[in-house]
N, C-alpha and C. Protein backbone atom coordinates (compact mmCIF):
# COMPACT_ATOMS: atom_id res chain seq x y z
N MET A 1 242.06 199.26 -18.93
CA MET A 1 242.09 198.31 -18.00
C MET A 1 240.65 197.74 -18.34
N THR A 2 240.80 196.17 -18.50
CA THR A 2 239.32 195.47 -18.61
C THR A 2 239.09 195.01 -17.28
N CYS A 3 237.75 195.19 -16.67
CA CYS A 3 237.40 194.47 -15.49
C CYS A 3 236.34 193.44 -15.78
N LEU A 4 236.52 192.30 -15.27
CA LEU A 4 235.53 191.39 -15.27
C LEU A 4 234.58 190.97 -14.02
N THR A 5 233.33 191.00 -14.16
CA THR A 5 232.45 190.72 -13.16
C THR A 5 232.39 189.18 -12.86
N SER A 6 231.73 188.76 -11.78
CA SER A 6 231.64 187.25 -11.58
C SER A 6 230.69 186.70 -12.63
N GLU A 7 229.67 187.40 -13.02
CA GLU A 7 228.71 186.85 -14.16
C GLU A 7 229.60 186.65 -15.46
N ALA A 8 230.33 187.62 -15.75
CA ALA A 8 231.28 187.36 -17.09
C ALA A 8 232.20 186.37 -17.10
N ALA A 9 232.71 186.12 -15.74
CA ALA A 9 233.57 185.16 -15.56
C ALA A 9 233.14 183.55 -15.66
N SER A 10 231.84 183.43 -15.93
CA SER A 10 231.55 182.15 -15.81
C SER A 10 231.52 181.65 -17.07
N ARG A 11 231.49 180.20 -17.22
CA ARG A 11 231.67 179.65 -18.67
C ARG A 11 230.83 180.01 -19.74
N ASP A 12 229.49 180.23 -19.33
CA ASP A 12 228.63 180.68 -20.24
C ASP A 12 228.66 182.05 -20.67
N GLY A 13 229.15 183.04 -19.71
CA GLY A 13 229.35 184.23 -19.89
C GLY A 13 230.47 184.54 -20.79
N LEU A 14 231.54 183.63 -20.64
CA LEU A 14 232.66 183.69 -21.43
C LEU A 14 232.47 183.23 -22.95
N MET A 15 231.61 182.28 -23.00
CA MET A 15 231.12 181.81 -24.39
C MET A 15 230.37 182.81 -25.11
N ALA A 16 229.42 183.59 -24.54
CA ALA A 16 228.74 184.62 -25.02
C ALA A 16 229.69 185.86 -25.36
N ALA A 17 230.65 186.20 -24.67
CA ALA A 17 231.44 187.26 -24.86
C ALA A 17 232.33 186.89 -26.26
N THR A 18 232.84 185.56 -26.34
CA THR A 18 233.74 185.13 -27.41
C THR A 18 232.86 185.19 -28.56
N ILE A 19 231.58 184.78 -28.48
CA ILE A 19 231.03 184.88 -30.05
C ILE A 19 230.70 186.42 -30.25
N ARG A 20 230.28 187.33 -29.32
CA ARG A 20 230.19 188.57 -29.67
C ARG A 20 231.31 189.12 -30.31
N HIS A 21 232.55 188.95 -30.01
CA HIS A 21 233.80 189.39 -30.39
C HIS A 21 233.94 188.69 -31.78
N ASN A 22 233.84 187.68 -31.80
CA ASN A 22 234.32 186.82 -33.15
C ASN A 22 233.16 187.28 -34.21
N ARG A 23 231.99 187.44 -33.83
CA ARG A 23 230.96 187.94 -34.68
C ARG A 23 231.52 189.61 -35.29
N ALA A 24 231.82 190.35 -34.22
CA ALA A 24 232.00 191.71 -34.57
C ALA A 24 233.50 191.65 -35.61
N ARG A 25 234.25 190.82 -35.42
CA ARG A 25 235.42 190.56 -36.15
C ARG A 25 235.24 189.88 -37.62
N GLY A 26 233.91 189.20 -37.78
CA GLY A 26 233.51 188.44 -38.99
C GLY A 26 234.09 187.12 -39.04
N ARG A 27 234.55 186.60 -37.80
CA ARG A 27 235.24 185.15 -37.67
C ARG A 27 234.41 184.19 -36.83
N HIS A 28 233.39 184.18 -37.23
CA HIS A 28 232.43 182.94 -36.56
C HIS A 28 232.24 181.90 -37.43
N GLN A 29 231.91 180.72 -37.00
CA GLN A 29 231.69 179.58 -37.92
C GLN A 29 230.26 178.88 -37.67
N ILE A 30 229.55 178.65 -38.43
CA ILE A 30 228.08 178.14 -38.35
C ILE A 30 228.16 176.94 -37.34
N HIS A 31 229.01 175.94 -37.77
CA HIS A 31 229.04 174.69 -36.92
C HIS A 31 229.36 175.07 -35.44
N ALA A 32 230.41 175.56 -35.28
CA ALA A 32 230.86 176.00 -34.10
C ALA A 32 229.79 176.77 -33.10
N MET A 33 229.24 177.69 -33.77
CA MET A 33 228.15 178.62 -33.13
C MET A 33 226.93 177.50 -32.82
N SER A 34 226.63 176.70 -33.58
CA SER A 34 225.47 175.80 -33.21
C SER A 34 225.69 174.95 -32.25
N GLU A 35 227.07 174.52 -32.00
CA GLU A 35 227.41 173.75 -30.88
C GLU A 35 227.38 174.49 -29.56
N ILE A 36 227.69 175.88 -29.73
CA ILE A 36 227.78 176.73 -28.28
C ILE A 36 226.26 177.05 -27.91
N VAL A 37 225.36 177.12 -28.87
CA VAL A 37 224.04 177.37 -28.67
C VAL A 37 223.40 176.16 -28.06
N ARG A 38 223.79 175.06 -28.56
CA ARG A 38 223.31 173.49 -27.82
C ARG A 38 223.84 173.87 -26.44
N GLU A 39 225.10 173.97 -26.16
CA GLU A 39 225.61 173.85 -24.70
C GLU A 39 224.99 174.88 -24.06
N LEU A 40 224.72 176.10 -24.47
CA LEU A 40 223.95 177.16 -23.70
C LEU A 40 222.53 176.66 -23.30
N THR A 41 221.88 175.88 -24.25
CA THR A 41 220.60 175.56 -24.23
C THR A 41 220.90 174.51 -22.98
N GLN A 42 221.61 173.60 -22.98
CA GLN A 42 221.66 172.46 -21.82
C GLN A 42 222.12 173.19 -20.57
N LEU A 43 222.63 174.41 -20.69
CA LEU A 43 222.96 174.90 -19.25
C LEU A 43 221.63 175.88 -18.85
N GLY A 44 220.72 175.75 -19.52
CA GLY A 44 219.33 176.20 -19.02
C GLY A 44 218.88 177.59 -19.67
N TRP A 45 219.87 178.09 -20.76
CA TRP A 45 219.48 179.51 -21.20
C TRP A 45 218.19 179.30 -22.01
N THR A 46 217.46 180.22 -22.12
CA THR A 46 216.24 180.16 -22.99
C THR A 46 216.66 180.72 -24.38
N PRO A 47 215.68 180.47 -25.35
CA PRO A 47 216.24 180.99 -26.53
C PRO A 47 216.26 182.47 -26.59
N GLN A 48 215.28 183.23 -25.91
CA GLN A 48 215.48 184.67 -25.83
C GLN A 48 216.68 185.28 -25.25
N LYS A 49 217.23 184.46 -24.13
CA LYS A 49 218.49 184.94 -23.42
C LYS A 49 219.65 184.79 -24.31
N ILE A 50 219.53 183.48 -25.06
CA ILE A 50 220.64 183.16 -26.12
C ILE A 50 220.74 184.30 -27.06
N GLY A 51 219.46 184.75 -27.55
CA GLY A 51 219.44 185.75 -28.69
C GLY A 51 219.92 187.20 -28.26
N LYS A 52 219.67 187.49 -27.03
CA LYS A 52 220.00 188.68 -26.53
C LYS A 52 221.45 188.91 -26.14
N GLU A 53 221.98 187.69 -25.59
CA GLU A 53 223.43 187.75 -25.10
C GLU A 53 224.29 187.67 -26.39
N LEU A 54 223.82 186.87 -27.42
CA LEU A 54 224.48 186.60 -28.50
C LEU A 54 224.52 187.55 -29.69
N GLY A 55 223.14 188.50 -29.59
CA GLY A 55 222.91 189.35 -30.60
C GLY A 55 222.49 188.70 -31.79
N MET A 56 221.63 187.76 -31.65
CA MET A 56 220.83 187.08 -32.54
C MET A 56 219.40 187.19 -32.67
N ASP A 57 218.70 187.14 -33.72
CA ASP A 57 217.29 187.12 -33.80
C ASP A 57 216.80 185.89 -33.44
N ALA A 58 215.29 185.53 -33.02
CA ALA A 58 214.76 184.38 -32.67
C ALA A 58 215.03 183.30 -33.93
N ASP A 59 215.07 183.65 -35.31
CA ASP A 59 215.12 182.70 -36.38
C ASP A 59 216.53 182.27 -36.53
N GLU A 60 217.50 183.19 -36.21
CA GLU A 60 219.02 182.48 -36.14
C GLU A 60 219.04 181.50 -34.97
N VAL A 61 218.59 181.81 -33.85
CA VAL A 61 218.80 180.83 -32.65
C VAL A 61 217.98 179.62 -33.12
N LEU A 62 216.97 179.63 -33.83
CA LEU A 62 216.20 178.35 -34.01
C LEU A 62 216.90 177.51 -35.02
N ARG A 63 217.49 178.26 -36.25
CA ARG A 63 218.33 177.74 -37.05
C ARG A 63 219.63 176.98 -36.57
N LEU A 64 220.15 177.74 -35.56
CA LEU A 64 221.48 177.01 -34.97
C LEU A 64 221.16 175.86 -34.15
N LYS A 65 220.02 175.84 -33.70
CA LYS A 65 219.53 174.75 -32.63
C LYS A 65 219.11 173.41 -33.77
N GLN A 66 218.66 173.90 -34.84
CA GLN A 66 218.30 172.81 -35.79
C GLN A 66 219.65 172.13 -36.43
N ILE A 67 220.47 172.81 -36.40
CA ILE A 67 221.78 172.20 -37.14
C ILE A 67 222.30 171.31 -36.07
N SER A 68 222.50 171.64 -34.89
CA SER A 68 223.05 170.87 -33.77
C SER A 68 222.26 169.57 -33.38
N GLY A 69 220.98 169.49 -33.77
CA GLY A 69 220.36 168.23 -33.30
C GLY A 69 218.83 168.61 -32.82
N LEU A 70 217.97 168.29 -33.77
CA LEU A 70 216.63 168.60 -33.31
C LEU A 70 216.11 168.12 -32.07
N THR A 71 216.35 166.71 -32.06
CA THR A 71 215.67 165.93 -30.85
C THR A 71 216.02 166.34 -29.43
N GLU A 72 217.46 166.61 -29.29
CA GLU A 72 217.92 167.11 -28.09
C GLU A 72 217.51 168.69 -27.57
N MET A 73 217.50 169.31 -28.79
CA MET A 73 217.13 170.78 -28.54
C MET A 73 215.67 171.04 -28.11
N PHE A 74 214.86 170.21 -28.78
CA PHE A 74 213.30 170.55 -28.47
C PHE A 74 212.69 169.41 -27.61
N ALA A 75 213.58 168.96 -26.76
CA ALA A 75 212.97 167.47 -25.97
C ALA A 75 211.95 168.22 -24.84
N GLY A 76 212.36 169.27 -24.40
CA GLY A 76 211.48 170.00 -23.30
C GLY A 76 210.29 170.72 -23.72
N ARG A 77 209.99 170.81 -25.04
CA ARG A 77 208.85 171.66 -25.40
C ARG A 77 207.46 170.91 -25.45
N GLN A 78 206.62 171.61 -25.33
CA GLN A 78 205.14 170.87 -25.30
C GLN A 78 204.50 171.21 -26.75
N PHE A 79 204.06 170.18 -27.53
CA PHE A 79 203.36 170.28 -28.83
C PHE A 79 202.04 169.82 -28.62
N SER A 80 201.33 170.29 -29.64
CA SER A 80 199.76 169.98 -29.63
C SER A 80 199.87 168.60 -30.41
N GLN A 81 198.49 168.05 -30.29
CA GLN A 81 198.29 166.78 -31.19
C GLN A 81 198.44 166.97 -32.49
N ALA A 82 198.75 165.83 -33.25
CA ALA A 82 198.91 166.03 -34.54
C ALA A 82 197.57 165.96 -35.12
N TRP A 83 197.35 166.44 -36.32
CA TRP A 83 195.93 166.49 -37.05
C TRP A 83 195.79 165.17 -37.63
N THR A 84 194.70 164.62 -37.63
CA THR A 84 194.22 163.40 -38.29
C THR A 84 193.07 163.72 -39.46
N ILE A 85 193.29 162.97 -40.46
CA ILE A 85 192.27 163.32 -41.50
C ILE A 85 191.28 162.05 -41.46
N LYS A 86 189.85 162.33 -41.49
CA LYS A 86 188.89 161.34 -41.25
C LYS A 86 188.45 161.19 -42.68
C-alpha cells in the first residue's frame, strides 16, 4: 500500500517524485528535466532543495538551469561589478 502525505501530493512534490522514479529507471530527458528545474525555481525552490529532492549535485542543477534560460533563472541573484582595465 502506498501512502501519500499532503507534501507529496503538491505539484512540486509530484514533479520531484516523477523525476526520481524516471532517473531510477533510466528514462529521463535533459530538456524535460531542465523545464522542471525551471518550474521548481519559479515556485521558489532553492538550488540546494532542487538538488536534494531530485538527487542532483550542484553542477547538474546549474547546467539544467542554463539549458532552460540564463536570464530568467539568474534574475534574482546579486553579482559583483565587472572588472575594468585601465
